[in-house]
Amino acid sequence: MNDKFVTGSVSGEVHVWNDTNLVTSKPIHKKTIYSIYVKDNVIFTGGKDNFIFILDESLNEKRKIDVSKLKIYQTSMTFPV
């Protein structure tokens, strides 16, 4: 994916681009995509639907993680001024 880049949409679609040309597009999330990370031809997406998807460069699903079922604890930190 060296010459390509990935974008997401408010409707949950992931788009792969080569310069200004759309290479492929696929609906992945049911709601807005908030984050995208690409490493070694693997695409990670996170969305408002509480799922993280792991995709290959052709947008085929490799794994789907339901974040709402994970035990994640929010912490806050304060720093002296």
Protein backbone atom coordinates (compact mmCIF):
# COMPACT_ATOMS: atom_id res chain seq x y z
CA MET A 1 0.00 0.00 0.00
CA ASN A 2 3.01 2.26 -0.44
CA ASP A 3 1.42 4.38 -3.15
CA LYS A 4 -2.13 4.25 -1.74
CA PHE A 5 -4.00 5.88 1.12
CA VAL A 6 -7.16 5.00 3.02
CA THR A 7 -10.11 7.15 4.07
CA GLY A 8 -13.34 6.49 5.93
CA SER A 9 -16.80 8.01 5.75
CA VAL A 10 -19.61 9.04 8.06
CA SER A 11 -21.69 6.26 6.51
CA GLY A 12 -19.10 3.60 7.48
CA GLU A 13 -17.44 3.01 4.12
CA VAL A 14 -13.68 2.50 3.76
CA HIS A 15 -12.09 3.85 0.58
CA VAL A 16 -8.66 2.98 -0.84
CA TRP A 17 -7.14 5.61 -3.14
CA ASN A 18 -4.21 5.79 -5.53
CA ASP A 19 -3.48 9.49 -5.98
CA THR A 20 -6.92 10.90 -6.89
CA ASN A 21 -8.30 7.61 -8.22
CA LEU A 22 -10.61 5.46 -6.11
CA VAL A 23 -9.21 1.91 -6.18
CA THR A 24 -11.85 0.20 -4.05
CA SER A 25 -14.59 1.04 -1.60
CA LYS A 26 -16.62 -1.12 0.77
CA PRO A 27 -19.15 -0.61 3.57
CA ILE A 28 -17.47 -1.89 6.73
CA HIS A 29 -19.01 -0.09 9.72
CA LYS A 30 -22.69 0.55 10.43
CA LYS A 31 -21.91 4.08 11.63
CA THR A 32 -19.23 6.76 11.29
CA ILE A 33 -15.58 5.70 11.08
CA TYR A 34 -13.55 7.58 13.70
CA SER A 35 -10.06 6.20 13.14
CA ILE A 36 -7.93 4.40 10.57
CA TYR A 37 -4.43 2.99 11.01
CA VAL A 38 -2.42 1.16 8.33
CA LYS A 39 0.63 -1.01 9.01
CA ASP A 40 2.25 -3.60 6.76
CA ASN A 41 -0.71 -3.73 4.34
CA VAL A 42 -3.15 -4.32 7.21
CA ILE A 43 -5.92 -1.74 7.80
CA PHE A 44 -7.36 -1.15 11.28
CA THR A 45 -10.58 0.87 11.57
CA GLY A 46 -12.58 2.01 14.58
CA GLY A 47 -16.09 3.34 14.43
CA LYS A 48 -19.02 4.78 16.32
CA ASP A 49 -20.65 1.34 16.11
CA ASN A 50 -18.18 0.13 18.82
CA PHE A 51 -16.30 -2.19 16.49
CA ILE A 52 -12.68 -2.40 15.42
CA PHE A 53 -12.17 -4.08 12.06
CA ILE A 54 -8.91 -5.56 10.83
CA LEU A 55 -8.84 -5.69 7.02
CA ASP A 56 -6.45 -6.70 4.28
CA GLU A 57 -5.58 -4.25 1.49
CA SER A 58 -8.55 -5.51 -0.58
CA LEU A 59 -10.86 -4.62 2.35
CA ASN A 60 -11.56 -8.25 3.23
CA GLU A 61 -12.36 -8.67 6.91
CA LYS A 62 -9.70 -10.54 8.87
CA ARG A 63 -11.08 -9.86 12.33
CA LYS A 64 -13.90 -7.93 14.00
CA ILE A 65 -13.67 -6.85 17.64
CA ASP A 66 -16.70 -5.74 19.63
CA VAL A 67 -15.24 -3.03 21.86
CA SER A 68 -18.41 -2.86 23.97
CA LYS A 69 -17.62 -6.35 25.30
CA LEU A 70 -14.09 -5.46 26.39
CA LYS A 71 -13.39 -4.44 29.96
CA ILE A 72 -11.88 -1.01 29.45
CA TYR A 73 -11.56 1.35 32.35
CA GLN A 74 -11.26 5.06 31.89
CA THR A 75 -8.65 6.77 33.98
CA SER A 76 -7.82 10.40 34.38
CA MET A 77 -4.54 11.96 35.32
CA THR A 78 -3.83 15.38 36.72
CA PHE A 79 -0.53 17.11 36.42
CA PRO A 80 0.84 19.82 38.70
CA VAL A 81 0.76 23.30 37.21
